[in-house]
Protein backbone atom coordinates (compact mmCIF):
# COMPACT_ATOMS: atom_id res chain seq x y z
CA MET A 1 -10.29 -9.57 1.71
CA GLU A 2 -7.08 -7.62 1.96
CA ILE A 3 -5.22 -5.64 -0.69
CA ILE A 4 -1.92 -7.21 -1.72
CA THR A 5 0.99 -4.76 -1.45
CA SER A 6 4.06 -7.03 -1.49
CA GLU A 7 5.99 -6.75 -4.76
CA ASN A 8 6.51 -10.53 -4.96
CA GLU A 9 2.84 -11.30 -4.33
CA ILE A 10 1.73 -8.67 -6.87
CA THR A 11 4.15 -10.11 -9.45
CA ASP A 12 2.75 -13.62 -8.85
CA ALA A 13 -0.84 -12.33 -9.03
CA GLN A 14 -0.09 -10.49 -12.29
CA ARG A 15 1.39 -13.66 -13.81
CA SER A 16 -1.69 -15.66 -12.78
CA PHE A 17 -3.94 -12.95 -14.24
CA GLU A 18 -2.07 -12.98 -17.56
CA ASP A 19 -1.98 -16.79 -17.69
CA SER A 20 -5.72 -17.10 -17.00
CA ILE A 21 -6.46 -15.01 -20.11
CA CYS A 22 -3.57 -15.86 -22.44
CA LYS A 23 -4.15 -19.62 -22.18
CA LEU A 24 -7.59 -19.06 -23.75
CA ALA A 25 -6.30 -16.93 -26.61
CA SER A 26 -6.46 -18.55 -30.01
CA VAL A 27 -4.31 -15.88 -31.65
CA SER A 28 -1.78 -13.29 -30.63
CA ARG A 29 -0.82 -10.52 -33.01
CA GLU A 30 0.45 -6.95 -33.13
CA ALA A 31 -1.90 -3.98 -33.34
CA TRP A 32 -2.02 -0.27 -32.63
CA LEU A 33 -3.55 0.44 -29.22
CA GLY A 34 -5.10 3.90 -29.16
CA PHE A 35 -5.59 5.94 -26.00
CA GLN A 36 -6.23 9.60 -25.13
CA SER A 37 -2.65 10.81 -25.56
CA GLY A 38 -1.51 8.62 -28.43
CA ARG A 39 -1.11 5.06 -29.63
CA LEU A 40 1.39 2.21 -29.32
CA TRP A 41 2.20 -0.87 -31.41
CA ARG A 42 1.76 -3.83 -29.04
CA LYS A 43 1.05 -7.57 -28.87
CA ILE A 44 -2.57 -8.44 -28.18
CA TYR A 45 -4.30 -11.71 -27.36
CA TRP A 46 -7.64 -12.57 -28.98
CA LEU A 47 -10.25 -14.72 -27.22
CA PRO A 48 -12.87 -15.31 -29.93
CA ASP A 49 -15.25 -17.27 -27.69
CA LEU A 50 -15.57 -14.17 -25.49
CA CYS A 51 -15.09 -11.61 -28.29
CA LEU A 52 -12.40 -10.10 -26.05
CA TRP A 53 -8.85 -8.95 -26.70
CA ALA A 54 -6.17 -8.19 -24.13
CA HIS A 55 -2.69 -6.72 -23.78
CA PHE A 56 -0.47 -7.14 -20.73
CA GLY A 57 2.71 -5.22 -20.02
CA LYS A 58 4.30 -2.39 -18.12
CA VAL A 59 2.77 1.05 -18.40
CA ALA A 60 3.74 3.02 -21.49
CA GLY A 61 4.86 6.61 -21.56
CA SER A 62 6.52 8.83 -19.00
CA LYS A 63 3.59 9.51 -16.65
CA SER A 64 4.18 6.55 -14.34
CA THR A 65 6.74 4.39 -16.11
CA GLY A 66 7.92 1.53 -13.96
CA ARG A 67 5.27 2.00 -11.26
CA ARG A 68 2.33 -0.02 -12.56
CA TYR A 69 1.25 -2.73 -14.95
CA TRP A 70 -0.59 -1.80 -18.12
CA ASN A 71 -3.41 -4.31 -18.62
CA VAL A 72 -5.72 -3.12 -21.38
CA PHE A 73 -8.80 -4.74 -22.86
CA GLY A 74 -11.39 -4.32 -25.55
CA LEU A 75 -14.44 -6.00 -26.94
CA GLY A 76 -14.82 -6.91 -30.59
CA GLU A 77 -12.59 -8.57 -33.12
CA PRO A 78 -9.06 -7.13 -33.30
CA LYS A 79 -8.14 -4.93 -36.22
CA ALA A 80 -4.93 -3.13 -37.11
CA SER A 81 -5.89 -0.29 -34.77
CA MET A 82 -7.79 -0.83 -31.51
CA SER A 83 -9.48 1.51 -29.03
CA ILE A 84 -9.08 0.53 -25.40
CA ASP A 85 -12.34 -0.12 -23.56
CA CYS A 86 -10.90 -0.73 -20.11
CA GLU A 87 -7.61 -0.58 -18.20
CA ILE A 88 -6.91 -2.50 -15.00
CA ASN A 89 -3.48 -1.33 -13.89
CA PRO A 90 -2.25 -2.57 -10.50
CA PRO A 91 0.88 -1.03 -8.98
CA LEU A 92 4.11 -3.01 -9.27
CA SER A 93 4.45 -2.86 -5.50
CA GLY A 94 2.98 -1.16 -2.48
CA ARG A 95 -0.20 0.85 -2.38
CA ASN A 96 -1.03 3.34 -5.13
CA ARG A 97 -4.54 4.75 -4.89
CA ARG A 98 -4.16 6.50 -8.26
CA THR A 99 -3.98 3.20 -10.16
CA GLY A 100 -7.23 1.47 -11.05
CA GLY A 101 -6.30 -2.14 -10.49
CA ILE A 102 -5.62 -4.01 -7.27
CA PHE A 103 -5.05 -7.62 -6.36
CA MET A 104 -6.71 -8.91 -3.22
CA LYS A 105 -6.36 -12.07 -1.16
CA ASP A 106 -9.24 -13.73 0.69
CA ASN A 107 -9.01 -15.76 3.93
CA SER A 108 -8.49 -18.96 1.91
CA GLY A 109 -5.54 -17.50 -0.01
CA ASN A 110 -7.45 -17.08 -3.28
CA ILE A 111 -6.36 -14.11 -5.38
CA HIS A 112 -8.98 -11.71 -6.73
CA LEU A 113 -8.80 -8.80 -9.14
CA ALA A 114 -10.60 -5.58 -8.25
CA HIS A 115 -10.74 -1.98 -9.48
CA ARG A 116 -10.78 1.26 -7.50
CA GLY A 117 -13.39 2.76 -9.81
CA ASN A 118 -11.29 5.55 -11.27
CA LEU A 119 -12.52 5.53 -14.87
CA ASN A 120 -12.11 7.98 -17.73
CA ALA A 121 -14.42 8.94 -20.57
CA GLY A 122 -12.67 11.88 -22.19
CA GLY A 123 -11.95 13.00 -18.62
CA SER A 124 -12.22 11.55 -15.16
CA ILE A 125 -15.59 10.10 -14.12
CA PRO A 126 -16.44 10.97 -10.49
CA ARG A 127 -16.14 7.94 -8.18
CA GLN A 128 -19.60 8.69 -6.76
CA PHE A 129 -21.07 8.31 -10.27
CA VAL A 130 -19.17 5.05 -10.85
CA PHE A 131 -20.18 3.44 -7.56
CA SER A 132 -23.80 4.56 -7.71
CA ASN A 133 -24.25 3.20 -11.26
CA PHE A 134 -22.08 0.06 -11.23
CA ARG A 135 -24.23 -3.08 -11.56
CA GLY A 136 -21.56 -5.58 -10.53
CA LYS A 137 -20.30 -6.55 -7.09
CA ILE A 138 -18.91 -3.81 -4.83
CA ILE A 139 -16.99 -4.81 -1.72
CA MET A 140 -15.54 -2.82 1.17
CA THR A 141 -11.93 -3.42 2.19
CA GLU A 142 -9.19 -2.01 4.40
CA ASP A 143 -6.82 0.22 2.42
CA GLY A 144 -4.14 1.23 4.90
CA GLU A 145 -5.95 3.32 7.52
CA ARG A 146 -9.03 3.73 5.31
CA ARG A 147 -12.03 1.58 4.51
CA VAL A 148 -12.89 1.87 0.83
CA ASN A 149 -15.27 0.37 -1.69
CA VAL A 150 -13.83 -1.38 -4.72
CA LEU A 151 -15.38 -2.97 -7.79
CA LEU A 152 -14.80 -6.71 -7.77
CA VAL A 153 -13.78 -8.23 -11.10
CA GLY A 154 -13.41 -11.83 -9.90
CA GLN A 155 -11.29 -14.63 -8.50
CA ILE A 156 -8.38 -15.08 -10.89
CA ASN A 157 -8.00 -18.87 -10.81
CA HIS A 158 -11.74 -19.56 -10.94
CA SER A 159 -12.99 -21.18 -14.15
CA ARG A 160 -15.49 -18.34 -14.57
CA PHE A 161 -12.87 -15.57 -14.29
CA PRO A 162 -12.55 -14.81 -18.05
CA HIS A 163 -16.34 -14.34 -18.20
CA SER A 164 -16.24 -12.13 -15.09
CA LEU A 165 -13.53 -10.02 -16.73
CA LYS A 166 -15.62 -9.63 -19.88
CA GLU A 167 -18.68 -8.65 -17.81
CA PHE A 168 -16.58 -6.06 -15.98
CA ILE A 169 -15.34 -4.59 -19.27
CA GLU A 170 -18.90 -4.47 -20.61
CA GLU A 171 -20.00 -2.70 -17.44
CA THR A 172 -17.25 -0.09 -17.72
CA ARG A 173 -18.38 0.60 -21.29
CA VAL A 174 -21.94 1.14 -20.00
CA LEU A 175 -20.69 3.47 -17.25
CA LYS A 176 -18.67 5.54 -19.72
CA HIS A 177 -21.68 5.83 -22.04
CA LEU A 178 -23.98 6.82 -19.15
CA PHE A 179 -21.51 9.46 -18.03
CA ARG A 180 -21.14 10.95 -21.51
CA GLU A 181 -24.94 11.10 -21.83
CA SER A 182 -25.46 12.74 -18.42
């Protein structure tokens, strides 16, 4: 698989990602999304069959405004104020190794979502810890002149993708807990 860097292809992949989740949502509503440096009032989508909520948009705040998507997720029924369990934030274009999310294309043209493994739990979790404790699928890919491991979330247009996304979010929660306990 290769990492997608074209702005048009990333935009199309992001739309497919959003559509694959939003079409399963039974309700959309506004809620406070809390994160380490604050909170924002945003629209969320609720998937009761998966006990999963999602928000899709551009990144909030001044840190990297306009350079990446802000795809945030959580498990459990939405309330007026939500804590984010997982972010998967691909760049809007090009290659940005500081963002967690990436879209990838396989030889058949299928689009996949993956994560670089840069997670936070009240501070950055070392990549070595993430990759040595992750129980999902890890794949190696070309990233410019480098070969890197990434955490595979799943094939976006596959019928199982929403379940794969939920499993990935559950796994990131486990990793964060393990790190805090270590």
